[in-house]
mmCIF file of all heavy atoms, coordinates in Angstrom:
data_MODEL
# 
_entry.id   MODEL 
# 
loop_
_atom_site.group_PDB 
_atom_site.id 
_atom_site.type_symbol 
_atom_site.label_atom_id 
_atom_site.label_alt_id 
_atom_site.label_comp_id 
_atom_site.label_asym_id 
_atom_site.label_entity_id 
_atom_site.label_seq_id 
_atom_site.pdbx_PDB_ins_code 
_atom_site.Cartn_x 
_atom_site.Cartn_y 
_atom_site.Cartn_z 
_atom_site.occupancy 
_atom_site.B_iso_or_equiv 
_atom_site.pdbx_formal_charge 
_atom_site.auth_seq_id 
_atom_site.auth_comp_id 
_atom_site.auth_asym_id 
_atom_site.auth_atom_id 
_atom_site.pdbx_PDB_model_num 
ATOM 1   N N   . ARG A 1 1  ? -11.753 37.799 15.312 1.00 0.00 ? 1  ARG A N   1 
ATOM 2   C CA  . ARG A 1 1  ? -11.217 36.418 15.688 1.00 0.00 ? 1  ARG A CA  1 
ATOM 3   C C   . ARG A 1 1  ? -11.163 35.657 14.186 1.00 0.00 ? 1  ARG A C   1 
ATOM 4   O O   . ARG A 1 1  ? -12.049 35.525 13.512 1.00 0.00 ? 1  ARG A O   1 
ATOM 5   C CB  . ARG A 1 1  ? -12.276 35.690 16.531 1.00 0.00 ? 1  ARG A CB  1 
ATOM 6   C CG  . ARG A 1 1  ? -11.748 34.247 16.987 1.00 0.00 ? 1  ARG A CG  1 
ATOM 7   C CD  . ARG A 1 1  ? -12.704 33.700 18.107 1.00 0.00 ? 1  ARG A CD  1 
ATOM 8   N NE  . ARG A 1 1  ? -12.200 32.545 18.699 1.00 0.00 ? 1  ARG A NE  1 
ATOM 9   C CZ  . ARG A 1 1  ? -12.422 31.327 18.326 1.00 0.00 ? 1  ARG A CZ  1 
ATOM 10  N NH1 . ARG A 1 1  ? -13.097 31.077 17.160 1.00 0.00 ? 1  ARG A NH1 1 
ATOM 11  N NH2 . ARG A 1 1  ? -12.016 30.418 18.923 1.00 0.00 ? 1  ARG A NH2 1 
ATOM 12  N N   . MET A 1 2  ? -9.858  35.222 14.145 1.00 0.00 ? 2  MET A N   1 
ATOM 13  C CA  . MET A 1 2  ? -9.533  34.360 12.929 1.00 0.00 ? 2  MET A CA  1 
ATOM 14  C C   . MET A 1 2  ? -9.039  32.953 13.329 1.00 0.00 ? 2  MET A C   1 
ATOM 15  O O   . MET A 1 2  ? -8.108  32.783 14.024 1.00 0.00 ? 2  MET A O   1 
ATOM 16  C CB  . MET A 1 2  ? -8.646  35.011 12.028 1.00 0.00 ? 2  MET A CB  1 
ATOM 17  C CG  . MET A 1 2  ? -8.237  34.267 10.780 1.00 0.00 ? 2  MET A CG  1 
ATOM 18  S SD  . MET A 1 2  ? -6.941  35.188 9.888  1.00 0.00 ? 2  MET A SD  1 
ATOM 19  C CE  . MET A 1 2  ? -6.648  34.091 8.503  1.00 0.00 ? 2  MET A CE  1 
ATOM 20  N N   . ASP A 1 3  ? -9.735  31.905 12.894 1.00 0.00 ? 3  ASP A N   1 
ATOM 21  C CA  . ASP A 1 3  ? -9.210  30.455 13.136 1.00 0.00 ? 3  ASP A CA  1 
ATOM 22  C C   . ASP A 1 3  ? -8.840  29.990 11.756 1.00 0.00 ? 3  ASP A C   1 
ATOM 23  O O   . ASP A 1 3  ? -9.578  30.091 10.821 1.00 0.00 ? 3  ASP A O   1 
ATOM 24  C CB  . ASP A 1 3  ? -10.450 29.661 13.550 1.00 0.00 ? 3  ASP A CB  1 
ATOM 25  C CG  . ASP A 1 3  ? -10.665 29.773 15.025 1.00 0.00 ? 3  ASP A CG  1 
ATOM 26  O OD1 . ASP A 1 3  ? -9.898  29.985 15.834 1.00 0.00 ? 3  ASP A OD1 1 
ATOM 27  O OD2 . ASP A 1 3  ? -11.988 29.869 15.438 1.00 0.00 ? 3  ASP A OD2 1 
ATOM 28  N N   . PHE A 1 4  ? -7.655  29.415 11.732 1.00 0.00 ? 4  PHE A N   1 
ATOM 29  C CA  . PHE A 1 4  ? -7.221  28.984 10.540 1.00 0.00 ? 4  PHE A CA  1 
ATOM 30  C C   . PHE A 1 4  ? -6.001  27.893 10.690 1.00 0.00 ? 4  PHE A C   1 
ATOM 31  O O   . PHE A 1 4  ? -5.494  27.650 11.697 1.00 0.00 ? 4  PHE A O   1 
ATOM 32  C CB  . PHE A 1 4  ? -6.678  30.031 9.458  1.00 0.00 ? 4  PHE A CB  1 
ATOM 33  C CG  . PHE A 1 4  ? -5.423  30.659 10.018 1.00 0.00 ? 4  PHE A CG  1 
ATOM 34  C CD1 . PHE A 1 4  ? -4.178  30.478 9.383  1.00 0.00 ? 4  PHE A CD1 1 
ATOM 35  C CD2 . PHE A 1 4  ? -5.421  31.617 11.093 1.00 0.00 ? 4  PHE A CD2 1 
ATOM 36  C CE1 . PHE A 1 4  ? -3.084  31.134 9.838  1.00 0.00 ? 4  PHE A CE1 1 
ATOM 37  C CE2 . PHE A 1 4  ? -4.367  32.297 11.495 1.00 0.00 ? 4  PHE A CE2 1 
ATOM 38  C CZ  . PHE A 1 4  ? -3.091  32.042 10.858 1.00 0.00 ? 4  PHE A CZ  1 
ATOM 39  N N   . ASN A 1 5  ? -5.919  27.102 9.578  1.00 0.00 ? 5  ASN A N   1 
ATOM 40  C CA  . ASN A 1 5  ? -4.898  26.076 9.654  1.00 0.00 ? 5  ASN A CA  1 
ATOM 41  C C   . ASN A 1 5  ? -3.657  26.316 8.626  1.00 0.00 ? 5  ASN A C   1 
ATOM 42  O O   . ASN A 1 5  ? -3.900  26.317 7.538  1.00 0.00 ? 5  ASN A O   1 
ATOM 43  C CB  . ASN A 1 5  ? -5.475  24.708 9.242  1.00 0.00 ? 5  ASN A CB  1 
ATOM 44  C CG  . ASN A 1 5  ? -4.496  23.587 9.284  1.00 0.00 ? 5  ASN A CG  1 
ATOM 45  O OD1 . ASN A 1 5  ? -3.240  23.716 9.284  1.00 0.00 ? 5  ASN A OD1 1 
ATOM 46  N ND2 . ASN A 1 5  ? -5.018  22.305 9.074  1.00 0.00 ? 5  ASN A ND2 1 
ATOM 47  N N   . PRO A 1 6  ? -2.615  26.677 9.167  1.00 0.00 ? 6  PRO A N   1 
ATOM 48  C CA  . PRO A 1 6  ? -1.498  27.091 8.254  1.00 0.00 ? 6  PRO A CA  1 
ATOM 49  C C   . PRO A 1 6  ? -1.085  26.110 7.172  1.00 0.00 ? 6  PRO A C   1 
ATOM 50  O O   . PRO A 1 6  ? -0.552  26.615 6.122  1.00 0.00 ? 6  PRO A O   1 
ATOM 51  C CB  . PRO A 1 6  ? -0.256  27.489 9.178  1.00 0.00 ? 6  PRO A CB  1 
ATOM 52  C CG  . PRO A 1 6  ? -0.968  27.782 10.407 1.00 0.00 ? 6  PRO A CG  1 
ATOM 53  C CD  . PRO A 1 6  ? -2.229  26.969 10.589 1.00 0.00 ? 6  PRO A CD  1 
ATOM 54  N N   . LYS A 1 7  ? -1.327  24.933 7.521  1.00 0.00 ? 7  LYS A N   1 
ATOM 55  C CA  . LYS A 1 7  ? -0.962  23.898 6.423  1.00 0.00 ? 7  LYS A CA  1 
ATOM 56  C C   . LYS A 1 7  ? -1.832  24.019 5.154  1.00 0.00 ? 7  LYS A C   1 
ATOM 57  O O   . LYS A 1 7  ? -1.425  23.584 4.088  1.00 0.00 ? 7  LYS A O   1 
ATOM 58  C CB  . LYS A 1 7  ? -1.134  22.399 7.017  1.00 0.00 ? 7  LYS A CB  1 
ATOM 59  C CG  . LYS A 1 7  ? -0.031  22.185 8.141  1.00 0.00 ? 7  LYS A CG  1 
ATOM 60  C CD  . LYS A 1 7  ? -0.164  20.727 8.644  1.00 0.00 ? 7  LYS A CD  1 
ATOM 61  C CE  . LYS A 1 7  ? 0.380   19.686 7.602  1.00 0.00 ? 7  LYS A CE  1 
ATOM 62  N NZ  . LYS A 1 7  ? 0.456   18.331 8.262  1.00 0.00 ? 7  LYS A NZ  1 
ATOM 63  N N   . ARG A 1 8  ? -2.950  24.642 5.275  1.00 0.00 ? 8  ARG A N   1 
ATOM 64  C CA  . ARG A 1 8  ? -3.707  24.753 4.108  1.00 0.00 ? 8  ARG A CA  1 
ATOM 65  C C   . ARG A 1 8  ? -3.051  25.859 3.237  1.00 0.00 ? 8  ARG A C   1 
ATOM 66  O O   . ARG A 1 8  ? -3.408  25.950 1.878  1.00 0.00 ? 8  ARG A O   1 
ATOM 67  C CB  . ARG A 1 8  ? -5.160  25.399 4.604  1.00 0.00 ? 8  ARG A CB  1 
ATOM 68  C CG  . ARG A 1 8  ? -5.922  24.501 5.492  1.00 0.00 ? 8  ARG A CG  1 
ATOM 69  C CD  . ARG A 1 8  ? -6.725  23.458 4.621  1.00 0.00 ? 8  ARG A CD  1 
ATOM 70  N NE  . ARG A 1 8  ? -7.512  22.640 5.474  1.00 0.00 ? 8  ARG A NE  1 
ATOM 71  C CZ  . ARG A 1 8  ? -8.367  21.790 5.092  1.00 0.00 ? 8  ARG A CZ  1 
ATOM 72  N NH1 . ARG A 1 8  ? -8.446  21.396 3.872  1.00 0.00 ? 8  ARG A NH1 1 
ATOM 73  N NH2 . ARG A 1 8  ? -9.053  21.044 5.892  1.00 0.00 ? 8  ARG A NH2 1 
ATOM 74  N N   . ALA A 1 9  ? -2.092  26.530 3.810  1.00 0.00 ? 9  ALA A N   1 
ATOM 75  C CA  . ALA A 1 9  ? -1.462  27.582 2.848  1.00 0.00 ? 9  ALA A CA  1 
ATOM 76  C C   . ALA A 1 9  ? -0.505  26.982 1.882  1.00 0.00 ? 9  ALA A C   1 
ATOM 77  O O   . ALA A 1 9  ? 0.089   27.800 1.173  1.00 0.00 ? 9  ALA A O   1 
ATOM 78  C CB  . ALA A 1 9  ? -0.683  28.522 3.798  1.00 0.00 ? 9  ALA A CB  1 
ATOM 79  N N   . SER A 1 10 ? -0.408  25.691 1.854  1.00 0.00 ? 10 SER A N   1 
ATOM 80  C CA  . SER A 1 10 ? 0.361   25.049 0.772  1.00 0.00 ? 10 SER A CA  1 
ATOM 81  C C   . SER A 1 10 ? -0.227  25.418 -0.637 1.00 0.00 ? 10 SER A C   1 
ATOM 82  O O   . SER A 1 10 ? 0.359   25.404 -1.781 1.00 0.00 ? 10 SER A O   1 
ATOM 83  C CB  . SER A 1 10 ? 0.516   23.606 0.910  1.00 0.00 ? 10 SER A CB  1 
ATOM 84  O OG  . SER A 1 10 ? -0.796  23.031 1.053  1.00 0.00 ? 10 SER A OG  1 
ATOM 85  N N   . ASP A 1 11 ? -1.596  25.618 -0.540 1.00 0.00 ? 11 ASP A N   1 
ATOM 86  C CA  . ASP A 1 11 ? -2.238  26.043 -1.738 1.00 0.00 ? 11 ASP A CA  1 
ATOM 87  C C   . ASP A 1 11 ? -2.143  27.662 -1.951 1.00 0.00 ? 11 ASP A C   1 
ATOM 88  O O   . ASP A 1 11 ? -2.402  28.355 -0.978 1.00 0.00 ? 11 ASP A O   1 
ATOM 89  C CB  . ASP A 1 11 ? -3.768  25.733 -1.584 1.00 0.00 ? 11 ASP A CB  1 
ATOM 90  C CG  . ASP A 1 11 ? -4.583  26.418 -2.707 1.00 0.00 ? 11 ASP A CG  1 
ATOM 91  O OD1 . ASP A 1 11 ? -4.639  25.923 -3.790 1.00 0.00 ? 11 ASP A OD1 1 
ATOM 92  O OD2 . ASP A 1 11 ? -5.330  27.410 -2.427 1.00 0.00 ? 11 ASP A OD2 1 
ATOM 93  N N   . ARG A 1 12 ? -1.684  27.943 -3.019 1.00 0.00 ? 12 ARG A N   1 
ATOM 94  C CA  . ARG A 1 12 ? -1.245  29.394 -3.196 1.00 0.00 ? 12 ARG A CA  1 
ATOM 95  C C   . ARG A 1 12 ? -2.463  30.359 -2.940 1.00 0.00 ? 12 ARG A C   1 
ATOM 96  O O   . ARG A 1 12 ? -2.386  31.495 -2.299 1.00 0.00 ? 12 ARG A O   1 
ATOM 97  C CB  . ARG A 1 12 ? -0.644  29.774 -4.698 1.00 0.00 ? 12 ARG A CB  1 
ATOM 98  C CG  . ARG A 1 12 ? -0.326  31.203 -4.882 1.00 0.00 ? 12 ARG A CG  1 
ATOM 99  C CD  . ARG A 1 12 ? 0.168   31.466 -6.276 1.00 0.00 ? 12 ARG A CD  1 
ATOM 100 N NE  . ARG A 1 12 ? 0.476   32.810 -6.489 1.00 0.00 ? 12 ARG A NE  1 
ATOM 101 C CZ  . ARG A 1 12 ? -0.405  33.794 -6.595 1.00 0.00 ? 12 ARG A CZ  1 
ATOM 102 N NH1 . ARG A 1 12 ? -1.757  33.536 -6.755 1.00 0.00 ? 12 ARG A NH1 1 
ATOM 103 N NH2 . ARG A 1 12 ? 0.004   35.127 -6.881 1.00 0.00 ? 12 ARG A NH2 1 
ATOM 104 N N   . ASP A 1 13 ? -3.680  30.114 -3.410 1.00 0.00 ? 13 ASP A N   1 
ATOM 105 C CA  . ASP A 1 13 ? -4.777  30.918 -3.246 1.00 0.00 ? 13 ASP A CA  1 
ATOM 106 C C   . ASP A 1 13 ? -5.091  31.151 -1.694 1.00 0.00 ? 13 ASP A C   1 
ATOM 107 O O   . ASP A 1 13 ? -5.559  32.185 -1.404 1.00 0.00 ? 13 ASP A O   1 
ATOM 108 C CB  . ASP A 1 13 ? -6.024  30.423 -4.043 1.00 0.00 ? 13 ASP A CB  1 
ATOM 109 C CG  . ASP A 1 13 ? -5.813  30.540 -5.451 1.00 0.00 ? 13 ASP A CG  1 
ATOM 110 O OD1 . ASP A 1 13 ? -4.944  31.348 -6.032 1.00 0.00 ? 13 ASP A OD1 1 
ATOM 111 O OD2 . ASP A 1 13 ? -6.423  29.854 -6.245 1.00 0.00 ? 13 ASP A OD2 1 
ATOM 112 N N   . THR A 1 14 ? -4.953  30.008 -1.068 1.00 0.00 ? 14 THR A N   1 
ATOM 113 C CA  . THR A 1 14 ? -5.363  30.057 0.307  1.00 0.00 ? 14 THR A CA  1 
ATOM 114 C C   . THR A 1 14 ? -4.421  30.916 1.142  1.00 0.00 ? 14 THR A C   1 
ATOM 115 O O   . THR A 1 14 ? -4.742  31.711 2.136  1.00 0.00 ? 14 THR A O   1 
ATOM 116 C CB  . THR A 1 14 ? -5.432  28.656 0.970  1.00 0.00 ? 14 THR A CB  1 
ATOM 117 O OG1 . THR A 1 14 ? -6.394  27.804 0.333  1.00 0.00 ? 14 THR A OG1 1 
ATOM 118 C CG2 . THR A 1 14 ? -5.737  28.749 2.454  1.00 0.00 ? 14 THR A CG2 1 
ATOM 119 N N   . ARG A 1 15 ? -3.027  30.749 0.680  1.00 0.00 ? 15 ARG A N   1 
ATOM 120 C CA  . ARG A 1 15 ? -2.020  31.384 1.288  1.00 0.00 ? 15 ARG A CA  1 
ATOM 121 C C   . ARG A 1 15 ? -2.206  32.902 1.047  1.00 0.00 ? 15 ARG A C   1 
ATOM 122 O O   . ARG A 1 15 ? -2.085  33.837 2.095  1.00 0.00 ? 15 ARG A O   1 
ATOM 123 C CB  . ARG A 1 15 ? -0.679  31.058 0.847  1.00 0.00 ? 15 ARG A CB  1 
ATOM 124 C CG  . ARG A 1 15 ? 0.528   31.812 1.445  1.00 0.00 ? 15 ARG A CG  1 
ATOM 125 C CD  . ARG A 1 15 ? 1.880   31.126 1.025  1.00 0.00 ? 15 ARG A CD  1 
ATOM 126 N NE  . ARG A 1 15 ? 2.167   31.190 -0.402 1.00 0.00 ? 15 ARG A NE  1 
ATOM 127 C CZ  . ARG A 1 15 ? 2.042   30.135 -1.200 1.00 0.00 ? 15 ARG A CZ  1 
ATOM 128 N NH1 . ARG A 1 15 ? 1.573   28.880 -0.771 1.00 0.00 ? 15 ARG A NH1 1 
ATOM 129 N NH2 . ARG A 1 15 ? 2.388   30.281 -2.483 1.00 0.00 ? 15 ARG A NH2 1 
ATOM 130 N N   . VAL A 1 16 ? -2.567  33.369 -0.078 1.00 0.00 ? 16 VAL A N   1 
ATOM 131 C CA  . VAL A 1 16 ? -2.837  34.822 -0.369 1.00 0.00 ? 16 VAL A CA  1 
ATOM 132 C C   . VAL A 1 16 ? -4.063  35.280 0.412  1.00 0.00 ? 16 VAL A C   1 
ATOM 133 O O   . VAL A 1 16 ? -3.978  36.381 1.037  1.00 0.00 ? 16 VAL A O   1 
ATOM 134 C CB  . VAL A 1 16 ? -2.989  35.025 -1.767 1.00 0.00 ? 16 VAL A CB  1 
ATOM 135 C CG1 . VAL A 1 16 ? -3.501  36.404 -2.257 1.00 0.00 ? 16 VAL A CG1 1 
ATOM 136 C CG2 . VAL A 1 16 ? -1.686  34.747 -2.630 1.00 0.00 ? 16 VAL A CG2 1 
ATOM 137 N N   . MET A 1 17 ? -5.131  34.465 0.612  1.00 0.00 ? 17 MET A N   1 
ATOM 138 C CA  . MET A 1 17 ? -6.291  34.835 1.234  1.00 0.00 ? 17 MET A CA  1 
ATOM 139 C C   . MET A 1 17 ? -5.906  35.002 2.769  1.00 0.00 ? 17 MET A C   1 
ATOM 140 O O   . MET A 1 17 ? -6.278  36.128 3.354  1.00 0.00 ? 17 MET A O   1 
ATOM 141 C CB  . MET A 1 17 ? -7.367  33.789 1.218  1.00 0.00 ? 17 MET A CB  1 
ATOM 142 C CG  . MET A 1 17 ? -8.546  34.076 2.016  1.00 0.00 ? 17 MET A CG  1 
ATOM 143 S SD  . MET A 1 17 ? -9.841  32.638 1.928  1.00 0.00 ? 17 MET A SD  1 
ATOM 144 C CE  . MET A 1 17 ? -8.802  31.354 2.632  1.00 0.00 ? 17 MET A CE  1 
ATOM 145 N N   . TYR A 1 18 ? -5.196  34.216 3.387  1.00 0.00 ? 18 TYR A N   1 
ATOM 146 C CA  . TYR A 1 18 ? -4.769  34.323 4.800  1.00 0.00 ? 18 TYR A CA  1 
ATOM 147 C C   . TYR A 1 18 ? -4.079  35.648 5.054  1.00 0.00 ? 18 TYR A C   1 
ATOM 148 O O   . TYR A 1 18 ? -4.349  36.425 5.848  1.00 0.00 ? 18 TYR A O   1 
ATOM 149 C CB  . TYR A 1 18 ? -3.834  33.154 5.187  1.00 0.00 ? 18 TYR A CB  1 
ATOM 150 C CG  . TYR A 1 18 ? -4.657  31.841 5.503  1.00 0.00 ? 18 TYR A CG  1 
ATOM 151 C CD1 . TYR A 1 18 ? -3.860  30.754 5.483  1.00 0.00 ? 18 TYR A CD1 1 
ATOM 152 C CD2 . TYR A 1 18 ? -5.942  31.821 5.665  1.00 0.00 ? 18 TYR A CD2 1 
ATOM 153 C CE1 . TYR A 1 18 ? -4.409  29.398 5.733  1.00 0.00 ? 18 TYR A CE1 1 
ATOM 154 C CE2 . TYR A 1 18 ? -6.535  30.586 5.999  1.00 0.00 ? 18 TYR A CE2 1 
ATOM 155 C CZ  . TYR A 1 18 ? -5.717  29.392 5.959  1.00 0.00 ? 18 TYR A CZ  1 
ATOM 156 O OH  . TYR A 1 18 ? -6.305  28.155 6.297  1.00 0.00 ? 18 TYR A OH  1 
ATOM 157 N N   . LYS A 1 19 ? -2.959  35.896 4.025  1.00 0.00 ? 19 LYS A N   1 
ATOM 158 C CA  . LYS A 1 19 ? -2.285  37.112 4.192  1.00 0.00 ? 19 LYS A CA  1 
ATOM 159 C C   . LYS A 1 19 ? -3.151  38.342 4.091  1.00 0.00 ? 19 LYS A C   1 
ATOM 160 O O   . LYS A 1 19 ? -3.028  39.346 4.923  1.00 0.00 ? 19 LYS A O   1 
ATOM 161 C CB  . LYS A 1 19 ? -1.130  37.166 3.278  1.00 0.00 ? 19 LYS A CB  1 
ATOM 162 C CG  . LYS A 1 19 ? -0.057  36.154 3.425  1.00 0.00 ? 19 LYS A CG  1 
ATOM 163 C CD  . LYS A 1 19 ? 1.018   36.278 2.265  1.00 0.00 ? 19 LYS A CD  1 
ATOM 164 C CE  . LYS A 1 19 ? 2.105   35.172 2.506  1.00 0.00 ? 19 LYS A CE  1 
ATOM 165 N NZ  . LYS A 1 19 ? 3.071   35.317 1.485  1.00 0.00 ? 19 LYS A NZ  1 
ATOM 166 N N   . ASN A 1 20 ? -3.974  38.398 3.108  1.00 0.00 ? 20 ASN A N   1 
ATOM 167 C CA  . ASN A 1 20 ? -4.985  39.611 2.890  1.00 0.00 ? 20 ASN A CA  1 
ATOM 168 C C   . ASN A 1 20 ? -5.787  39.723 4.191  1.00 0.00 ? 20 ASN A C   1 
ATOM 169 O O   . ASN A 1 20 ? -6.008  40.919 4.453  1.00 0.00 ? 20 ASN A O   1 
ATOM 170 C CB  . ASN A 1 20 ? -5.773  39.366 1.726  1.00 0.00 ? 20 ASN A CB  1 
ATOM 171 C CG  . ASN A 1 20 ? -5.005  39.525 0.401  1.00 0.00 ? 20 ASN A CG  1 
ATOM 172 O OD1 . ASN A 1 20 ? -3.913  40.229 0.483  1.00 0.00 ? 20 ASN A OD1 1 
ATOM 173 N ND2 . ASN A 1 20 ? -5.387  38.894 -0.741 1.00 0.00 ? 20 ASN A ND2 1 
ATOM 174 N N   . ILE A 1 21 ? -6.303  38.777 4.782  1.00 0.00 ? 21 ILE A N   1 
ATOM 175 C CA  . ILE A 1 21 ? -7.083  38.969 5.972  1.00 0.00 ? 21 ILE A CA  1 
ATOM 176 C C   . ILE A 1 21 ? -6.270  39.519 7.131  1.00 0.00 ? 21 ILE A C   1 
ATOM 177 O O   . ILE A 1 21 ? -6.603  40.471 7.789  1.00 0.00 ? 21 ILE A O   1 
ATOM 178 C CB  . ILE A 1 21 ? -7.831  37.739 6.349  1.00 0.00 ? 21 ILE A CB  1 
ATOM 179 C CG1 . ILE A 1 21 ? -8.789  37.162 5.426  1.00 0.00 ? 21 ILE A CG1 1 
ATOM 180 C CG2 . ILE A 1 21 ? -8.442  37.800 7.845  1.00 0.00 ? 21 ILE A CG2 1 
ATOM 181 C CD1 . ILE A 1 21 ? -9.271  35.692 5.565  1.00 0.00 ? 21 ILE A CD1 1 
ATOM 182 N N   . ILE A 1 22 ? -5.114  38.945 7.374  1.00 0.00 ? 22 ILE A N   1 
ATOM 183 C CA  . ILE A 1 22 ? -4.211  39.287 8.466  1.00 0.00 ? 22 ILE A CA  1 
ATOM 184 C C   . ILE A 1 22 ? -3.862  40.810 8.250  1.00 0.00 ? 22 ILE A C   1 
ATOM 185 O O   . ILE A 1 22 ? -3.587  41.519 9.315  1.00 0.00 ? 22 ILE A O   1 
ATOM 186 C CB  . ILE A 1 22 ? -3.109  38.462 8.663  1.00 0.00 ? 22 ILE A CB  1 
ATOM 187 C CG1 . ILE A 1 22 ? -3.597  36.996 9.145  1.00 0.00 ? 22 ILE A CG1 1 
ATOM 188 C CG2 . ILE A 1 22 ? -2.112  38.959 9.752  1.00 0.00 ? 22 ILE A CG2 1 
ATOM 189 C CD1 . ILE A 1 22 ? -2.680  36.066 8.996  1.00 0.00 ? 22 ILE A CD1 1 
ATOM 190 N N   . ARG A 1 23 ? -3.628  41.223 7.112  1.00 0.00 ? 23 ARG A N   1 
ATOM 191 C CA  . ARG A 1 23 ? -3.213  42.651 6.806  1.00 0.00 ? 23 ARG A CA  1 
ATOM 192 C C   . ARG A 1 23 ? -4.123  43.766 7.208  1.00 0.00 ? 23 ARG A C   1 
ATOM 193 O O   . ARG A 1 23 ? -3.747  44.955 7.363  1.00 0.00 ? 23 ARG A O   1 
ATOM 194 C CB  . ARG A 1 23 ? -2.794  42.718 5.358  1.00 0.00 ? 23 ARG A CB  1 
ATOM 195 C CG  . ARG A 1 23 ? -1.503  42.112 4.969  1.00 0.00 ? 23 ARG A CG  1 
ATOM 196 C CD  . ARG A 1 23 ? -1.232  42.225 3.423  1.00 0.00 ? 23 ARG A CD  1 
ATOM 197 N NE  . ARG A 1 23 ? -0.001  41.582 3.151  1.00 0.00 ? 23 ARG A NE  1 
ATOM 198 C CZ  . ARG A 1 23 ? 0.155   40.754 2.098  1.00 0.00 ? 23 ARG A CZ  1 
ATOM 199 N NH1 . ARG A 1 23 ? -0.873  40.537 1.359  1.00 0.00 ? 23 ARG A NH1 1 
ATOM 200 N NH2 . ARG A 1 23 ? 1.242   40.189 1.761  1.00 0.00 ? 23 ARG A NH2 1 
ATOM 201 N N   . HIS A 1 24 ? -5.390  43.157 7.449  1.00 0.00 ? 24 HIS A N   1 
ATOM 202 C CA  . HIS A 1 24 ? -6.428  44.230 7.900  1.00 0.00 ? 24 HIS A CA  1 
ATOM 203 C C   . HIS A 1 24 ? -6.375  44.379 9.505  1.00 0.00 ? 24 HIS A C   1 
ATOM 204 O O   . HIS A 1 24 ? -7.278  45.032 10.028 1.00 0.00 ? 24 HIS A O   1 
ATOM 205 C CB  . HIS A 1 24 ? -7.773  43.759 7.420  1.00 0.00 ? 24 HIS A CB  1 
ATOM 206 C CG  . HIS A 1 24 ? -8.040  43.848 6.081  1.00 0.00 ? 24 HIS A CG  1 
ATOM 207 N ND1 . HIS A 1 24 ? -7.694  43.012 5.151  1.00 0.00 ? 24 HIS A ND1 1 
ATOM 208 C CD2 . HIS A 1 24 ? -8.788  44.904 5.320  1.00 0.00 ? 24 HIS A CD2 1 
ATOM 209 C CE1 . HIS A 1 24 ? -8.078  43.408 3.900  1.00 0.00 ? 24 HIS A CE1 1 
ATOM 210 N NE2 . HIS A 1 24 ? -8.740  44.546 4.096  1.00 0.00 ? 24 HIS A NE2 1 
ATOM 211 N N   . LEU A 1 25 ? -5.441  43.628 10.150 1.00 0.00 ? 25 LEU A N   1 
ATOM 212 C CA  . LEU A 1 25 ? -5.420  43.641 11.624 1.00 0.00 ? 25 LEU A CA  1 
ATOM 213 C C   . LEU A 1 25 ? -4.154  44.187 12.138 1.00 0.00 ? 25 LEU A C   1 
ATOM 214 O O   . LEU A 1 25 ? -3.127  44.319 11.630 1.00 0.00 ? 25 LEU A O   1 
ATOM 215 C CB  . LEU A 1 25 ? -5.682  42.065 12.096 1.00 0.00 ? 25 LEU A CB  1 
ATOM 216 C CG  . LEU A 1 25 ? -6.714  41.287 11.514 1.00 0.00 ? 25 LEU A CG  1 
ATOM 217 C CD1 . LEU A 1 25 ? -6.723  39.876 12.043 1.00 0.00 ? 25 LEU A CD1 1 
ATOM 218 C CD2 . LEU A 1 25 ? -8.086  41.906 11.840 1.00 0.00 ? 25 LEU A CD2 1 
ATOM 219 N N   . LYS A 1 26 ? -4.270  44.410 13.509 1.00 0.00 ? 26 LYS A N   1 
ATOM 220 C CA  . LYS A 1 26 ? -3.111  44.984 14.208 1.00 0.00 ? 26 LYS A CA  1 
ATOM 221 C C   . LYS A 1 26 ? -3.279  44.500 15.739 1.00 0.00 ? 26 LYS A C   1 
ATOM 222 O O   . LYS A 1 26 ? -4.342  44.034 16.056 1.00 0.00 ? 26 LYS A O   1 
ATOM 223 C CB  . LYS A 1 26 ? -2.863  46.394 14.199 1.00 0.00 ? 26 LYS A CB  1 
ATOM 224 C CG  . LYS A 1 26 ? -3.897  47.223 15.008 1.00 0.00 ? 26 LYS A CG  1 
ATOM 225 C CD  . LYS A 1 26 ? -3.646  48.784 14.781 1.00 0.00 ? 26 LYS A CD  1 
ATOM 226 C CE  . LYS A 1 26 ? -4.835  49.637 15.518 1.00 0.00 ? 26 LYS A CE  1 
ATOM 227 N NZ  . LYS A 1 26 ? -4.407  51.058 15.489 1.00 0.00 ? 26 LYS A NZ  1 
# 
């Protein structure tokens, strides 16, 4: 289960982190 706020992804490091986590899921 992943809770997150996409608006935080305006920060590059946060955006990369979100993508890396989601890539482990299907």
